[in-house]
Amino acid sequence: MNTRIAKLTLATLISASIGLSPLTVIAADPAPTPAPAAAPAAVPATPAPAAQPEKAAKKSKKQAKKDKKAEKKAKKKSKKKAKAAQEPAAAPQQ
């Protein structure tokens, strides 16, 4: 009986600490300081727009690959279902 209570207590403490850990991290972080007004103006504007099309291209390529894979998987699954549906129908006819 005592081991059950001990395990329950330990599990409760662990789950409570896991649940409260994000709050302690937020509380430990200092308030963000505002950036100086001159800092954004000093950064050149050309690298950011150049990086965006590359990211978009990679993302669209990755999405296309994912869609193609999903389509292939669905086609394979439907083919398997069709084959399974034909086999039981063919078995009683023999």
Protein backbone atom coordinates (compact mmCIF):
# COMPACT_ATOMS: atom_id res chain seq x y z
CA MET A 1 0.00 0.00 0.00
CA ASN A 2 2.80 2.41 0.89
CA THR A 3 4.61 1.76 -2.39
CA ARG A 4 1.45 2.62 -4.32
CA ILE A 5 1.10 5.89 -2.44
CA ALA A 6 4.80 6.63 -2.93
CA LYS A 7 4.58 5.94 -6.67
CA LEU A 8 1.45 8.06 -7.00
CA THR A 9 3.06 10.91 -5.07
CA LEU A 10 6.22 10.71 -7.17
CA ALA A 11 4.23 10.65 -10.40
CA THR A 12 2.19 13.64 -9.24
CA LEU A 13 5.29 15.64 -8.37
CA ILE A 14 6.96 14.82 -11.68
CA SER A 15 3.91 15.73 -13.74
CA ALA A 16 3.46 18.96 -11.77
CA SER A 17 7.11 19.91 -12.32
CA ILE A 18 6.82 19.19 -16.04
CA GLY A 19 3.66 21.28 -16.23
CA LEU A 20 5.20 24.20 -14.37
CA SER A 21 8.61 24.20 -16.07
CA PRO A 22 7.56 26.54 -18.94
CA LEU A 23 6.27 29.02 -16.40
CA THR A 24 9.56 29.04 -14.52
CA VAL A 25 11.49 29.59 -17.75
CA ILE A 26 9.26 32.53 -18.65
CA ALA A 27 9.67 33.97 -15.17
CA ALA A 28 13.47 33.57 -15.30
CA ASP A 29 13.82 35.40 -18.63
CA PRO A 30 14.43 39.12 -18.29
CA ALA A 31 12.10 41.48 -20.07
CA PRO A 32 13.20 41.98 -23.67
CA THR A 33 15.00 45.25 -24.15
CA PRO A 34 13.96 47.35 -27.12
CA ALA A 35 16.48 47.32 -29.96
CA PRO A 36 18.20 50.58 -30.82
CA ALA A 37 16.50 52.45 -33.65
CA ALA A 38 19.72 52.63 -35.72
CA ALA A 39 20.28 48.85 -35.76
CA PRO A 40 17.61 47.94 -38.34
CA ALA A 41 18.73 50.69 -40.70
CA ALA A 42 22.35 49.45 -40.65
CA VAL A 43 21.39 45.98 -41.94
CA PRO A 44 21.45 45.77 -45.76
CA ALA A 45 18.07 44.95 -47.27
CA THR A 46 19.30 42.73 -50.15
CA PRO A 47 20.16 39.46 -48.31
CA ALA A 48 16.71 38.99 -46.78
CA PRO A 49 14.71 39.21 -50.02
CA ALA A 50 17.24 36.97 -51.78
CA ALA A 51 16.85 34.33 -49.09
CA GLN A 52 13.06 34.37 -49.26
CA PRO A 53 12.70 32.99 -52.81
CA GLU A 54 15.19 30.21 -52.01
CA LYS A 55 13.23 29.26 -48.92
CA ALA A 56 9.96 29.40 -50.82
CA ALA A 57 11.40 27.27 -53.62
CA LYS A 58 12.69 24.68 -51.17
CA LYS A 59 9.41 24.68 -49.31
CA SER A 60 7.33 24.26 -52.47
CA LYS A 61 9.65 21.53 -53.71
CA LYS A 62 9.36 19.72 -50.40
CA GLN A 63 5.57 20.08 -50.43
CA ALA A 64 5.39 18.76 -54.00
CA LYS A 65 7.48 15.77 -53.02
CA LYS A 66 5.25 15.16 -50.01
CA ASP A 67 2.10 15.38 -52.16
CA LYS A 68 3.57 13.01 -54.74
CA LYS A 69 4.46 10.52 -52.02
CA ALA A 70 0.96 10.73 -50.51
CA GLU A 71 -0.60 10.23 -53.94
CA LYS A 72 1.60 7.21 -54.60
CA LYS A 73 0.70 5.75 -51.21
CA ALA A 74 -3.02 6.26 -51.82
CA LYS A 75 -2.76 4.65 -55.25
CA LYS A 76 -0.95 1.66 -53.81
CA LYS A 77 -3.50 1.33 -51.03
CA SER A 78 -6.46 1.47 -53.43
CA LYS A 79 -4.77 -1.09 -55.69
CA LYS A 80 -4.30 -3.38 -52.70
CA LYS A 81 -7.96 -2.96 -51.69
CA ALA A 82 -9.13 -3.71 -55.22
CA LYS A 83 -6.99 -6.84 -55.34
CA ALA A 84 -8.30 -7.96 -51.94
CA ALA A 85 -11.88 -7.36 -53.08
CA GLN A 86 -11.36 -9.48 -56.22
CA GLU A 87 -9.67 -12.44 -54.50
CA PRO A 88 -12.54 -13.41 -52.15
CA ALA A 89 -15.00 -13.10 -55.03
CA ALA A 90 -12.81 -15.35 -57.19
CA ALA A 91 -12.26 -18.01 -54.49
CA PRO A 92 -15.94 -19.23 -54.16
CA GLN A 93 -16.29 -19.54 -57.93
CA GLN A 94 -13.69 -22.33 -58.07
